[in-house]
C-alpha cells in the first residue's frame, strides 16, 4: 500500500489465509520487496516535489 501524502509504502504477504506485514518503508529509501525483489524501487521517485 502506498500513501503518497505520508510518503510511505507498506508491503504485505498472504500467509495462512491472512495478510501479514512484511515491511514498512518511508522517505527516499531504496526498497526491494517480494515478489518484485529483483527490482529496487527508489521511493523518493514516487513522491511529487513540493514547492
N, C-alpha and C. Protein backbone atom coordinates (compact mmCIF):
# COMPACT_ATOMS: atom_id res chain seq x y z
N UNK A 1 0.85 -1.16 0.00
CA UNK A 1 0.00 0.00 0.00
C UNK A 1 0.90 1.23 0.00
N UNK A 2 0.58 2.15 -0.87
CA UNK A 2 1.36 3.38 -0.99
C UNK A 2 0.52 4.55 -0.48
N UNK A 3 1.11 5.34 0.40
CA UNK A 3 0.46 6.56 0.88
C UNK A 3 1.30 7.73 0.40
N UNK A 4 0.87 8.40 -0.67
CA UNK A 4 1.67 9.49 -1.23
C UNK A 4 1.73 10.73 -0.33
N UNK A 5 0.78 10.88 0.56
CA UNK A 5 0.82 12.04 1.47
C UNK A 5 1.80 11.82 2.61
N UNK A 6 1.84 10.60 3.14
CA UNK A 6 2.75 10.27 4.24
C UNK A 6 4.11 9.81 3.72
N UNK A 7 4.23 9.62 2.40
CA UNK A 7 5.47 9.15 1.77
C UNK A 7 5.90 7.80 2.35
N UNK A 8 4.94 6.86 2.40
CA UNK A 8 5.23 5.54 2.93
C UNK A 8 4.75 4.44 1.99
N UNK A 9 5.39 3.29 2.11
CA UNK A 9 4.99 2.09 1.40
C UNK A 9 4.93 0.97 2.42
N UNK A 10 3.82 0.26 2.47
CA UNK A 10 3.66 -0.91 3.33
C UNK A 10 3.50 -2.12 2.44
N UNK A 11 4.24 -3.19 2.73
CA UNK A 11 4.18 -4.41 1.94
C UNK A 11 3.59 -5.54 2.78
N UNK A 12 2.72 -6.34 2.15
CA UNK A 12 2.05 -7.44 2.83
C UNK A 12 2.18 -8.72 2.02
N UNK A 13 2.12 -9.85 2.70
CA UNK A 13 2.14 -11.16 2.04
C UNK A 13 1.01 -12.00 2.64
N UNK A 14 0.38 -12.79 1.79
CA UNK A 14 -0.69 -13.68 2.26
C UNK A 14 -0.05 -14.88 2.94
N UNK A 15 -0.40 -15.10 4.20
CA UNK A 15 0.19 -16.18 4.97
C UNK A 15 -0.89 -16.82 5.84
N UNK A 16 -1.08 -18.11 5.67
CA UNK A 16 -2.08 -18.85 6.46
C UNK A 16 -3.47 -18.22 6.37
N UNK A 17 -3.85 -17.75 5.19
CA UNK A 17 -5.18 -17.19 4.99
C UNK A 17 -5.35 -15.76 5.44
N UNK A 18 -4.29 -15.13 5.90
CA UNK A 18 -4.39 -13.74 6.34
C UNK A 18 -3.21 -12.93 5.83
N UNK A 19 -3.34 -11.61 5.89
CA UNK A 19 -2.29 -10.73 5.40
C UNK A 19 -1.34 -10.38 6.53
N UNK A 20 -0.05 -10.56 6.28
CA UNK A 20 1.00 -10.27 7.27
C UNK A 20 1.88 -9.16 6.71
N UNK A 21 2.12 -8.14 7.52
CA UNK A 21 3.01 -7.06 7.08
C UNK A 21 4.43 -7.59 7.00
N UNK A 22 5.08 -7.38 5.85
CA UNK A 22 6.46 -7.84 5.68
C UNK A 22 7.44 -6.69 5.57
N UNK A 23 6.94 -5.47 5.55
CA UNK A 23 7.83 -4.32 5.51
C UNK A 23 7.08 -3.01 5.50
N UNK A 24 7.71 -2.01 6.09
CA UNK A 24 7.16 -0.65 6.09
C UNK A 24 8.33 0.28 5.80
N UNK A 25 8.19 1.08 4.76
CA UNK A 25 9.29 1.89 4.28
C UNK A 25 8.82 3.33 4.11
N UNK A 26 9.75 4.28 4.24
CA UNK A 26 9.37 5.69 4.16
C UNK A 26 10.47 6.52 3.54
N UNK A 27 10.09 7.73 3.17
CA UNK A 27 11.06 8.70 2.67
C UNK A 27 11.59 8.33 1.30
N UNK A 28 12.91 8.39 1.16
CA UNK A 28 13.56 8.14 -0.12
C UNK A 28 14.30 6.80 -0.12
N UNK A 29 13.88 5.87 0.72
CA UNK A 29 14.55 4.57 0.82
C UNK A 29 14.51 3.83 -0.52
N UNK A 30 15.51 2.99 -0.73
CA UNK A 30 15.52 2.07 -1.86
C UNK A 30 14.95 0.75 -1.35
N UNK A 31 13.89 0.27 -2.00
CA UNK A 31 13.13 -0.87 -1.49
C UNK A 31 13.09 -2.01 -2.51
N UNK A 32 13.31 -3.23 -2.02
CA UNK A 32 13.12 -4.45 -2.82
C UNK A 32 12.24 -5.37 -2.01
N UNK A 33 11.03 -5.62 -2.50
CA UNK A 33 10.05 -6.41 -1.75
C UNK A 33 9.50 -7.52 -2.64
N UNK A 34 9.46 -8.73 -2.07
CA UNK A 34 8.90 -9.89 -2.79
C UNK A 34 7.43 -9.61 -3.13
N UNK A 35 6.93 -10.05 -4.24
CA UNK A 35 7.57 -10.90 -5.23
C UNK A 35 8.32 -10.12 -6.30
N UNK A 36 8.52 -8.83 -6.08
CA UNK A 36 9.20 -7.99 -7.07
C UNK A 36 10.61 -7.64 -6.61
N UNK A 37 11.23 -8.49 -5.80
CA UNK A 37 12.51 -8.18 -5.18
C UNK A 37 13.68 -8.15 -6.16
N UNK A 38 13.46 -8.53 -7.42
CA UNK A 38 14.51 -8.43 -8.43
C UNK A 38 14.70 -6.97 -8.86
N UNK A 39 13.75 -6.11 -8.48
CA UNK A 39 13.78 -4.70 -8.88
C UNK A 39 13.77 -3.84 -7.62
N UNK A 40 14.70 -2.90 -7.54
CA UNK A 40 14.71 -1.96 -6.42
C UNK A 40 13.90 -0.73 -6.82
N UNK A 41 13.07 -0.26 -5.92
CA UNK A 41 12.27 0.94 -6.15
C UNK A 41 12.81 2.04 -5.25
N UNK A 42 13.15 3.17 -5.83
CA UNK A 42 13.57 4.32 -5.05
C UNK A 42 12.31 5.09 -4.70
N UNK A 43 11.90 5.03 -3.44
CA UNK A 43 10.65 5.67 -3.04
C UNK A 43 10.65 7.16 -3.31
N UNK A 44 11.79 7.79 -3.23
CA UNK A 44 11.86 9.23 -3.48
C UNK A 44 11.37 9.60 -4.88
N UNK A 45 11.47 8.65 -5.82
CA UNK A 45 10.99 8.90 -7.18
C UNK A 45 9.47 8.91 -7.27
N UNK A 46 8.78 8.38 -6.27
CA UNK A 46 7.32 8.29 -6.28
C UNK A 46 6.64 9.56 -5.78
N UNK A 47 7.32 10.30 -4.97
CA UNK A 47 6.68 11.45 -4.33
C UNK A 47 6.85 12.70 -5.17
N UNK A 48 5.77 13.42 -5.35
CA UNK A 48 5.81 14.67 -6.11
C UNK A 48 6.63 15.70 -5.34
N UNK A 49 7.39 16.46 -6.07
CA UNK A 49 8.17 17.54 -5.44
C UNK A 49 7.21 18.61 -4.94
N UNK A 50 7.47 19.14 -3.77
CA UNK A 50 6.64 20.21 -3.23
C UNK A 50 7.42 21.51 -3.28
N UNK A 51 6.72 22.55 -3.54
CA UNK A 51 7.40 23.87 -3.65
C UNK A 51 7.38 24.58 -2.35
